[in-house]
Amino acid sequence: MTFLEIVFYVFSAALVVSSLLVVTVRNPVRAALFLVLAFFSAACLWLTLEAEFLAITLVLVYVGAVMVLFLFVIMMLDIDIAQMRAGFANYLPLGLIVALIMAGELTLVMLSGEFGDTQLPRPVGHDADYSNTEALGRVVYTDYVYTFELAAVILLVAIIAAISLTLRRRPETRYQAPEEQVKVRKEDRIRIVKMPPRPEEKP
């Protein structure tokens, strides 16, 4: 067994175990931390496939930003675990049925013979000066440039829709008006008052 295979099995085991702990652990903060471990293990697996751009993006975006926001939200919200588990028994049969169906589908796909070493061989290694980021950029901005721009437009529309849905005008809230603030003069804000001097107190 080569060193690369040992690394693959180690991080694959860590990914599977951490994924199971995400959905089985009771503490939501620990579940989020196990999800961070799952993301990191997946990033290490991508590094073994020479997909360093995807690995670094996964670590920086998901582990460094998204999961930090998850942790802040989890720790700031007062989550009632007992109330969340109150209806767990009612949905357990349906959840088990869905889980068995998904496990059966995954088993059928993996046993179909379409994912063996002959059908999907390991990519051939490249030289040290090979840049996965450059290769990915060439493909994205040439062959899939219109798809990439369409995805950007869809995300922009989603952001605008989210802002529009959450924006509420409250009459008691004070808002700034920059167009009025830039027109302010000194005479409008400052009033100079002349007062007689105080007489000196005698000892």
C-alpha atoms as a PDB file:
ATOM      1  CA  MET A   1       0.000   0.000   0.000  1.00  0.00           C
ATOM      2  CA  THR A   2       1.437   3.351  -1.052  1.00  0.00           C
ATOM      3  CA  PHE A   3       1.549   6.515   1.033  1.00  0.00           C
ATOM      4  CA  LEU A   4      -1.154   8.095  -1.134  1.00  0.00           C
ATOM      5  CA  GLU A   5      -3.510   5.192  -0.471  1.00  0.00           C
ATOM      6  CA  ILE A   6      -2.862   5.415   3.267  1.00  0.00           C
ATOM      7  CA  VAL A   7      -3.688   9.147   3.215  1.00  0.00           C
ATOM      8  CA  PHE A   8      -6.835   8.441   1.218  1.00  0.00           C
ATOM      9  CA  TYR A   9      -8.132   5.827   3.629  1.00  0.00           C
ATOM     10  CA  VAL A  10      -7.291   7.910   6.703  1.00  0.00           C
ATOM     11  CA  PHE A  11      -9.113  11.042   5.503  1.00  0.00           C
ATOM     12  CA  SER A  12     -11.978   8.976   4.061  1.00  0.00           C
ATOM     13  CA  ALA A  13     -12.504   7.332   7.440  1.00  0.00           C
ATOM     14  CA  ALA A  14     -12.352  10.722   9.152  1.00  0.00           C
ATOM     15  CA  LEU A  15     -14.888  12.100   6.677  1.00  0.00           C
ATOM     16  CA  VAL A  16     -17.344   9.236   7.184  1.00  0.00           C
ATOM     17  CA  VAL A  17     -17.039   9.252  10.987  1.00  0.00           C
ATOM     18  CA  SER A  18     -17.376  13.036  11.271  1.00  0.00           C
ATOM     19  CA  SER A  19     -20.381  13.011   8.926  1.00  0.00           C
ATOM     20  CA  LEU A  20     -22.112  10.427  11.104  1.00  0.00           C
ATOM     21  CA  LEU A  21     -21.347  12.429  14.235  1.00  0.00           C
ATOM     22  CA  VAL A  22     -22.829  15.571  12.675  1.00  0.00           C
ATOM     23  CA  VAL A  23     -26.277  13.975  12.552  1.00  0.00           C
ATOM     24  CA  THR A  24     -26.028  11.878  15.722  1.00  0.00           C
ATOM     25  CA  VAL A  25     -24.359  14.131  18.297  1.00  0.00           C
ATOM     26  CA  ARG A  26     -26.710  15.909  20.696  1.00  0.00           C
ATOM     27  CA  ASN A  27     -24.900  19.202  21.159  1.00  0.00           C
ATOM     28  CA  PRO A  28     -25.419  21.519  18.125  1.00  0.00           C
ATOM     29  CA  VAL A  29     -22.083  23.267  18.705  1.00  0.00           C
ATOM     30  CA  ARG A  30     -20.251  19.940  18.605  1.00  0.00           C
ATOM     31  CA  ALA A  31     -22.218  19.009  15.474  1.00  0.00           C
ATOM     32  CA  ALA A  32     -20.985  22.193  13.790  1.00  0.00           C
ATOM     33  CA  LEU A  33     -17.405  21.414  14.823  1.00  0.00           C
ATOM     34  CA  PHE A  34     -17.683  17.890  13.418  1.00  0.00           C
ATOM     35  CA  LEU A  35     -18.985  19.440  10.198  1.00  0.00           C
ATOM     36  CA  VAL A  36     -15.821  21.562  10.093  1.00  0.00           C
ATOM     37  CA  LEU A  37     -13.801  18.351  10.434  1.00  0.00           C
ATOM     38  CA  ALA A  38     -15.808  16.787   7.592  1.00  0.00           C
ATOM     39  CA  PHE A  39     -15.107  19.786   5.343  1.00  0.00           C
ATOM     40  CA  PHE A  40     -11.418  19.663   6.184  1.00  0.00           C
ATOM     41  CA  SER A  41     -11.229  15.935   5.451  1.00  0.00           C
ATOM     42  CA  ALA A  42     -12.973  16.447   2.103  1.00  0.00           C
ATOM     43  CA  ALA A  43     -10.502  19.230   1.274  1.00  0.00           C
ATOM     44  CA  CYS A  44      -7.597  16.875   2.009  1.00  0.00           C
ATOM     45  CA  LEU A  45      -9.115  14.276  -0.316  1.00  0.00           C
ATOM     46  CA  TRP A  46      -9.355  16.870  -3.062  1.00  0.00           C
ATOM     47  CA  LEU A  47      -5.697  17.688  -2.551  1.00  0.00           C
ATOM     48  CA  THR A  48      -4.834  14.068  -3.289  1.00  0.00           C
ATOM     49  CA  LEU A  49      -6.681  14.462  -6.613  1.00  0.00           C
ATOM     50  CA  GLU A  50      -4.646  17.604  -7.491  1.00  0.00           C
ATOM     51  CA  ALA A  51      -7.715  19.799  -7.056  1.00  0.00           C
ATOM     52  CA  GLU A  52      -5.998  22.287  -4.782  1.00  0.00           C
ATOM     53  CA  PHE A  53      -8.208  25.195  -5.841  1.00  0.00           C
ATOM     54  CA  LEU A  54     -11.372  23.404  -4.730  1.00  0.00           C
ATOM     55  CA  ALA A  55      -9.675  22.303  -1.516  1.00  0.00           C
ATOM     56  CA  ILE A  56      -8.531  25.805  -0.590  1.00  0.00           C
ATOM     57  CA  THR A  57     -11.933  27.236  -1.543  1.00  0.00           C
ATOM     58  CA  LEU A  58     -13.667  24.691   0.680  1.00  0.00           C
ATOM     59  CA  VAL A  59     -11.440  25.563   3.627  1.00  0.00           C
ATOM     60  CA  LEU A  60     -11.576  29.337   3.170  1.00  0.00           C
ATOM     61  CA  VAL A  61     -15.239  29.732   2.267  1.00  0.00           C
ATOM     62  CA  TYR A  62     -17.015  27.004   4.222  1.00  0.00           C
ATOM     63  CA  VAL A  63     -14.690  26.370   7.156  1.00  0.00           C
ATOM     64  CA  GLY A  64     -13.464  29.933   7.475  1.00  0.00           C
ATOM     65  CA  ALA A  65     -16.675  31.874   6.855  1.00  0.00           C
ATOM     66  CA  VAL A  66     -19.863  29.837   6.678  1.00  0.00           C
ATOM     67  CA  MET A  67     -19.158  27.582   9.650  1.00  0.00           C
ATOM     68  CA  VAL A  68     -18.091  30.563  11.771  1.00  0.00           C
ATOM     69  CA  LEU A  69     -21.465  32.139  11.058  1.00  0.00           C
ATOM     70  CA  PHE A  70     -23.166  28.847  11.933  1.00  0.00           C
ATOM     71  CA  LEU A  71     -21.360  28.758  15.262  1.00  0.00           C
ATOM     72  CA  PHE A  72     -22.267  32.367  16.041  1.00  0.00           C
ATOM     73  CA  VAL A  73     -25.927  31.734  15.250  1.00  0.00           C
ATOM     74  CA  ILE A  74     -26.017  28.510  17.255  1.00  0.00           C
ATOM     75  CA  MET A  75     -24.370  30.101  20.283  1.00  0.00           C
ATOM     76  CA  MET A  76     -26.490  33.266  20.120  1.00  0.00           C
ATOM     77  CA  LEU A  77     -29.825  31.473  19.790  1.00  0.00           C
ATOM     78  CA  ASP A  78     -31.367  29.893  22.851  1.00  0.00           C
ATOM     79  CA  ILE A  79     -32.100  26.480  21.361  1.00  0.00           C
ATOM     80  CA  ASP A  80     -34.455  24.338  23.404  1.00  0.00           C
ATOM     81  CA  ILE A  81     -33.193  20.821  22.762  1.00  0.00           C
ATOM     82  CA  ALA A  82     -36.105  19.196  24.617  1.00  0.00           C
ATOM     83  CA  GLN A  83     -38.648  21.001  22.466  1.00  0.00           C
ATOM     84  CA  MET A  84     -36.778  20.065  19.289  1.00  0.00           C
ATOM     85  CA  ARG A  85     -36.861  16.385  20.261  1.00  0.00           C
ATOM     86  CA  ALA A  86     -40.505  16.423  21.275  1.00  0.00           C
ATOM     87  CA  GLY A  87     -41.720  15.369  17.820  1.00  0.00           C
ATOM     88  CA  PHE A  88     -38.762  13.160  16.967  1.00  0.00           C
ATOM     89  CA  ALA A  89     -40.650   9.903  17.618  1.00  0.00           C
ATOM     90  CA  ASN A  90     -43.493  10.971  15.322  1.00  0.00           C
ATOM     91  CA  TYR A  91     -41.190  11.485  12.347  1.00  0.00           C
ATOM     92  CA  LEU A  92     -38.890   8.532  13.081  1.00  0.00           C
ATOM     93  CA  PRO A  93     -40.718   5.922  10.904  1.00  0.00           C
ATOM     94  CA  LEU A  94     -40.824   8.222   7.896  1.00  0.00           C
ATOM     95  CA  GLY A  95     -37.172   9.150   8.407  1.00  0.00           C
ATOM     96  CA  LEU A  96     -36.146   5.503   8.552  1.00  0.00           C
ATOM     97  CA  ILE A  97     -38.049   4.742   5.341  1.00  0.00           C
ATOM     98  CA  VAL A  98     -36.363   7.633   3.519  1.00  0.00           C
ATOM     99  CA  ALA A  99     -32.948   6.604   4.903  1.00  0.00           C
ATOM    100  CA  LEU A 100     -33.422   2.986   3.746  1.00  0.00           C
ATOM    101  CA  ILE A 101     -34.490   4.120   0.290  1.00  0.00           C
ATOM    102  CA  MET A 102     -31.451   6.386  -0.030  1.00  0.00           C
ATOM    103  CA  ALA A 103     -29.119   3.638   1.219  1.00  0.00           C
ATOM    104  CA  GLY A 104     -30.610   1.195  -1.285  1.00  0.00           C
ATOM    105  CA  GLU A 105     -30.193   3.637  -4.153  1.00  0.00           C
ATOM    106  CA  LEU A 106     -26.569   4.310  -3.204  1.00  0.00           C
ATOM    107  CA  THR A 107     -25.901   0.580  -2.974  1.00  0.00           C
ATOM    108  CA  LEU A 108     -27.411  -0.062  -6.411  1.00  0.00           C
ATOM    109  CA  VAL A 109     -25.370   2.744  -7.933  1.00  0.00           C
ATOM    110  CA  MET A 110     -22.104   1.575  -6.365  1.00  0.00           C
ATOM    111  CA  LEU A 111     -22.709  -2.060  -7.386  1.00  0.00           C
ATOM    112  CA  SER A 112     -23.604  -1.162 -10.959  1.00  0.00           C
ATOM    113  CA  GLY A 113     -20.002  -1.530 -12.103  1.00  0.00           C
ATOM    114  CA  GLU A 114     -19.797   2.011 -13.448  1.00  0.00           C
ATOM    115  CA  PHE A 115     -17.491   3.289 -10.724  1.00  0.00           C
ATOM    116  CA  GLY A 116     -14.598   0.858 -10.812  1.00  0.00           C
ATOM    117  CA  ASP A 117     -10.934   1.527 -11.480  1.00  0.00           C
ATOM    118  CA  THR A 118     -11.360   0.671 -15.157  1.00  0.00           C
ATOM    119  CA  GLN A 119     -14.276   3.055 -15.734  1.00  0.00           C
ATOM    120  CA  LEU A 120     -12.927   5.865 -13.541  1.00  0.00           C
ATOM    121  CA  PRO A 121      -9.135   5.524 -13.317  1.00  0.00           C
ATOM    122  CA  ARG A 122      -7.118   7.821 -11.134  1.00  0.00           C
ATOM    123  CA  PRO A 123      -6.001  10.991 -12.960  1.00  0.00           C
ATOM    124  CA  VAL A 124      -2.470  10.957 -14.253  1.00  0.00           C
ATOM    125  CA  GLY A 125      -0.093  13.055 -12.178  1.00  0.00           C
ATOM    126  CA  HIS A 126       1.188  16.360 -13.532  1.00  0.00           C
ATOM    127  CA  ASP A 127       4.486  18.176 -13.289  1.00  0.00           C
ATOM    128  CA  ALA A 128       5.373  20.477 -10.419  1.00  0.00           C
ATOM    129  CA  ASP A 129       4.679  23.602 -12.495  1.00  0.00           C
ATOM    130  CA  TYR A 130       1.090  22.504 -13.246  1.00  0.00           C
ATOM    131  CA  SER A 131      -1.553  24.890 -11.922  1.00  0.00           C
ATOM    132  CA  ASN A 132      -4.988  23.498 -11.237  1.00  0.00           C
ATOM    133  CA  THR A 133      -6.320  27.024 -10.696  1.00  0.00           C
ATOM    134  CA  GLU A 134      -5.155  28.138 -14.140  1.00  0.00           C
ATOM    135  CA  ALA A 135      -6.646  25.063 -15.809  1.00  0.00           C
ATOM    136  CA  LEU A 136      -9.961  25.539 -14.015  1.00  0.00           C
ATOM    137  CA  GLY A 137     -10.020  29.235 -14.915  1.00  0.00           C
ATOM    138  CA  ARG A 138      -9.421  28.486 -18.580  1.00  0.00           C
ATOM    139  CA  VAL A 139     -12.329  26.040 -18.666  1.00  0.00           C
ATOM    140  CA  VAL A 140     -14.724  28.247 -16.699  1.00  0.00           C
ATOM    141  CA  TYR A 141     -14.035  31.453 -18.630  1.00  0.00           C
ATOM    142  CA  THR A 142     -13.961  29.851 -22.094  1.00  0.00           C
ATOM    143  CA  ASP A 143     -16.203  26.816 -22.430  1.00  0.00           C
ATOM    144  CA  TYR A 144     -18.608  27.670 -19.589  1.00  0.00           C
ATOM    145  CA  VAL A 145     -18.416  31.468 -19.525  1.00  0.00           C
ATOM    146  CA  TYR A 146     -22.141  31.973 -20.289  1.00  0.00           C
ATOM    147  CA  THR A 147     -23.144  29.406 -17.687  1.00  0.00           C
ATOM    148  CA  PHE A 148     -20.857  31.096 -15.156  1.00  0.00           C
ATOM    149  CA  GLU A 149     -22.352  34.524 -15.882  1.00  0.00           C
ATOM    150  CA  LEU A 150     -25.876  33.100 -15.710  1.00  0.00           C
ATOM    151  CA  ALA A 151     -25.119  31.615 -12.292  1.00  0.00           C
ATOM    152  CA  ALA A 152     -23.813  35.012 -11.150  1.00  0.00           C
ATOM    153  CA  VAL A 153     -27.016  36.720 -12.335  1.00  0.00           C
ATOM    154  CA  ILE A 154     -29.158  34.119 -10.552  1.00  0.00           C
ATOM    155  CA  LEU A 155     -27.219  34.647  -7.319  1.00  0.00           C
ATOM    156  CA  LEU A 156     -27.609  38.421  -7.683  1.00  0.00           C
ATOM    157  CA  VAL A 157     -31.362  38.052  -8.138  1.00  0.00           C
ATOM    158  CA  ALA A 158     -31.487  35.792  -5.078  1.00  0.00           C
ATOM    159  CA  ILE A 159     -29.615  38.388  -3.000  1.00  0.00           C
ATOM    160  CA  ILE A 160     -31.944  41.189  -4.126  1.00  0.00           C
ATOM    161  CA  ALA A 161     -35.001  39.007  -3.406  1.00  0.00           C
ATOM    162  CA  ALA A 162     -33.716  38.142   0.077  1.00  0.00           C
ATOM    163  CA  ILE A 163     -33.117  41.818   0.861  1.00  0.00           C
ATOM    164  CA  SER A 164     -36.563  42.766  -0.462  1.00  0.00           C
ATOM    165  CA  LEU A 165     -38.293  40.080   1.603  1.00  0.00           C
ATOM    166  CA  THR A 166     -36.516  41.009   4.835  1.00  0.00           C
ATOM    167  CA  LEU A 167     -36.679  44.797   4.411  1.00  0.00           C
ATOM    168  CA  ARG A 168     -39.308  46.329   6.667  1.00  0.00           C
ATOM    169  CA  ARG A 169     -40.119  50.007   6.962  1.00  0.00           C
ATOM    170  CA  ARG A 170     -40.747  50.872  10.592  1.00  0.00           C
ATOM    171  CA  PRO A 171     -42.047  54.372  11.360  1.00  0.00           C
ATOM    172  CA  GLU A 172     -40.353  54.487  14.779  1.00  0.00           C
ATOM    173  CA  THR A 173     -36.912  53.780  13.290  1.00  0.00           C
ATOM    174  CA  ARG A 174     -34.756  56.749  12.365  1.00  0.00           C
ATOM    175  CA  TYR A 175     -33.054  56.596   8.985  1.00  0.00           C
ATOM    176  CA  GLN A 176     -30.220  58.653   7.595  1.00  0.00           C
ATOM    177  CA  ALA A 177     -30.738  60.800   4.509  1.00  0.00           C
ATOM    178  CA  PRO A 178     -27.323  61.373   2.869  1.00  0.00           C
ATOM    179  CA  GLU A 179     -28.801  63.707   0.253  1.00  0.00           C
ATOM    180  CA  GLU A 180     -29.964  66.011   3.070  1.00  0.00           C
ATOM    181  CA  GLN A 181     -26.822  65.626   5.154  1.00  0.00           C
ATOM    182  CA  VAL A 182     -24.506  66.897   2.425  1.00  0.00           C
ATOM    183  CA  LYS A 183     -26.592  70.091   2.133  1.00  0.00           C
ATOM    184  CA  VAL A 184     -26.144  71.039   5.783  1.00  0.00           C
ATOM    185  CA  ARG A 185     -24.527  74.427   6.442  1.00  0.00           C
ATOM    186  CA  LYS A 186     -22.651  75.595   9.483  1.00  0.00           C
ATOM    187  CA  GLU A 187     -25.414  78.047  10.366  1.00  0.00           C
ATOM    188  CA  ASP A 188     -27.942  75.210  10.508  1.00  0.00           C
ATOM    189  CA  ARG A 189     -26.067  73.235  13.150  1.00  0.00           C
ATOM    190  CA  ILE A 190     -24.025  75.745  15.161  1.00  0.00           C
ATOM    191  CA  ARG A 191     -25.412  78.660  17.170  1.00  0.00           C
ATOM    192  CA  ILE A 192     -22.983  81.118  18.721  1.00  0.00           C
ATOM    193  CA  VAL A 193     -24.255  82.669  21.963  1.00  0.00           C
ATOM    194  CA  LYS A 194     -22.567  85.656  23.574  1.00  0.00           C
ATOM    195  CA  MET A 195     -22.684  85.598  27.351  1.00  0.00           C
ATOM    196  CA  PRO A 196     -21.397  88.194  29.769  1.00  0.00           C
ATOM    197  CA  PRO A 197     -18.284  87.183  31.653  1.00  0.00           C
ATOM    198  CA  ARG A 198     -18.699  85.877  35.146  1.00  0.00           C
ATOM    199  CA  PRO A 199     -17.531  88.194  37.881  1.00  0.00           C
ATOM    200  CA  GLU A 200     -14.483  87.037  39.724  1.00  0.00           C
ATOM    201  CA  GLU A 201     -15.249  85.548  43.089  1.00  0.00           C
ATOM    202  CA  LYS A 202     -13.686  87.291  46.056  1.00  0.00           C
ATOM    203  CA  PRO A 203     -11.771  85.103  48.520  1.00  0.00           C
END
